[in-house]
Protein backbone atom coordinates (compact mmCIF):
# COMPACT_ATOMS: atom_id res chain seq x y z
CA MET A 1 0.00 0.00 0.00
CA LYS A 2 2.88 2.33 0.82
CA LYS A 3 4.45 1.77 -2.59
CA LEU A 4 1.18 2.59 -4.34
CA PHE A 5 0.86 5.91 -2.52
CA ILE A 6 4.52 6.75 -3.20
CA ILE A 7 4.14 6.04 -6.93
CA LEU A 8 0.90 8.05 -7.13
CA GLY A 9 2.54 10.83 -5.11
CA PHE A 10 5.51 10.99 -7.50
CA ILE A 11 3.29 11.02 -10.59
CA THR A 12 1.00 13.75 -9.29
CA SER A 13 3.82 15.90 -7.92
CA ILE A 14 5.72 15.73 -11.22
CA LEU A 15 2.51 16.58 -13.07
CA ALA A 16 1.98 19.51 -10.71
CA LEU A 17 5.52 20.77 -11.37
CA VAL A 18 5.06 20.53 -15.14
CA LEU A 19 1.73 22.33 -15.03
CA ALA A 20 3.12 25.00 -12.69
CA VAL A 21 5.65 26.20 -15.27
CA THR A 22 3.23 26.18 -18.21
CA PRO A 23 0.55 28.77 -18.95
CA LEU A 24 -1.95 26.31 -17.46
CA SER A 25 -0.55 26.97 -14.01
CA LYS A 26 -3.94 27.46 -12.36
CA VAL A 27 -4.74 23.81 -13.03
CA ALA A 28 -1.63 22.75 -11.06
CA TYR A 29 -3.50 23.07 -7.77
CA ILE A 30 -5.44 19.86 -8.46
CA PRO A 31 -2.45 17.49 -8.81
CA SER A 32 -0.68 19.33 -5.99
CA VAL A 33 -3.49 18.57 -3.58
CA ALA A 34 -3.59 14.98 -4.81
CA ALA A 35 0.18 14.68 -4.27
CA LEU A 36 -0.14 16.05 -0.75
CA ILE A 37 -2.88 13.54 0.05
CA CYS A 38 -0.85 10.65 -1.36
CA GLY A 39 2.20 11.83 0.58
CA VAL A 40 0.25 11.98 3.82
CA PHE A 41 -1.15 8.48 3.27
CA ALA A 42 2.33 7.15 2.42
CA LEU A 43 3.72 8.79 5.53
CA TYR A 44 0.90 7.37 7.64
CA THR A 45 1.41 3.83 6.29
CA SER A 46 5.18 4.01 6.80
CA LYS A 47 4.93 5.06 10.45
CA ASP A 48 4.27 1.44 11.39
CA LYS A 49 7.63 0.37 10.01
CA GLN A 50 10.97 2.12 10.24
CA HIS A 51 11.80 2.58 6.56
CA ALA A 52 13.65 5.34 4.75
CA LYS A 53 11.32 8.26 4.17
CA LYS A 54 13.42 10.12 1.59
CA SER A 55 10.95 9.40 -1.21
CA ILE A 56 8.05 10.78 0.81
CA GLN A 57 10.08 13.88 1.65
CA LEU A 58 10.85 14.30 -2.07
CA ILE A 59 7.13 14.14 -2.88
CA PHE A 60 6.42 16.87 -0.33
CA LEU A 61 9.33 18.99 -1.62
CA MET A 62 8.21 18.81 -5.26
CA THR A 63 4.63 19.55 -4.27
CA ILE A 64 5.63 22.58 -2.21
CA ILE A 65 7.74 23.91 -5.11
CA ALA A 66 4.80 23.43 -7.51
CA LEU A 67 2.42 25.20 -5.12
CA ALA A 68 4.88 28.06 -4.64
CA LEU A 69 5.34 28.53 -8.40
CA THR A 70 1.61 28.37 -9.05
CA THR A 71 0.83 30.85 -6.30
CA TYR A 72 3.59 33.19 -7.49
CA LYS A 73 2.27 33.14 -11.05
CA ALA A 74 -1.30 33.68 -9.88
CA VAL A 75 -0.34 36.70 -7.76
CA PHE A 76 2.16 38.47 -10.00
CA THR A 77 0.94 37.71 -13.53
CA LYS A 78 -1.58 40.12 -15.00
CA ALA A 79 -3.61 39.58 -18.11
CA GLU A 80 -3.50 42.93 -19.85
CA LEU A 81 -6.09 43.82 -22.43
CA GLY A 82 -5.31 46.12 -25.31
CA ASP A 83 -7.05 49.41 -25.87
CA ILE A 84 -10.37 48.60 -27.50
CA LYS A 85 -10.68 52.00 -29.17
CA GLN A 86 -7.40 51.53 -31.00
CA LEU A 87 -8.46 48.07 -32.16
CA GLU A 88 -11.80 49.39 -33.44
CA GLN A 89 -10.07 52.26 -35.30
CA LYS A 90 -7.61 49.82 -36.88
CA GLU A 91 -10.47 47.56 -37.93
CA GLU A 92 -12.39 50.46 -39.51
CA GLN A 93 -9.26 51.65 -41.30
CA LEU A 94 -8.60 48.19 -42.74
CA GLU A 95 -12.22 47.89 -43.83
CA GLU A 96 -12.09 51.25 -45.62
CA GLU A 97 -8.85 50.32 -47.36
CA SER A 98 -10.28 47.02 -48.57
CA ILE A 99 -13.43 48.77 -49.87
CA GLU A 100 -11.26 51.25 -51.78
CA GLU A 101 -9.22 48.44 -53.30
CA LEU A 102 -12.37 46.64 -54.40
CA GLU A 103 -13.79 49.83 -55.94
CA ASN A 104 -10.57 50.46 -57.86
CA LEU A 105 -10.63 47.02 -59.45
CA ASP A 106 -11.95 46.94 -62.97
CA ILE A 107 -13.86 43.71 -63.35
CA ASP A 108 -14.15 44.03 -67.16
CA GLU A 109 -10.37 43.92 -67.53
CA ILE A 110 -10.13 40.80 -65.41
CA ASP A 111 -12.87 39.01 -67.44
CA THR A 112 -11.23 39.68 -70.81
CA GLN A 113 -7.90 38.21 -69.81
């Protein structure tokens, strides 16, 4: 049972680390919580026996790093929107230019070629 929780803890903590450094960092909370739960269960099942707990400590370390990165990105990253007025003016300008180009085309010349 301990090995199962350790393997699940490693998988979810590595997944949390990978998601924490990608733009999908807000999703990294889910595998982080799962890794913490698996780590706690592995720690609880290993208290009965005196085994090395380095792997469980590594699970907790990777999970804490993933949570720290995710929280940092959530706090300090802003999604900035562009100025809507400038975008609308650019769109109108492009529309007017395309209308002028279409009006300047001579369809009779194109048909005779």
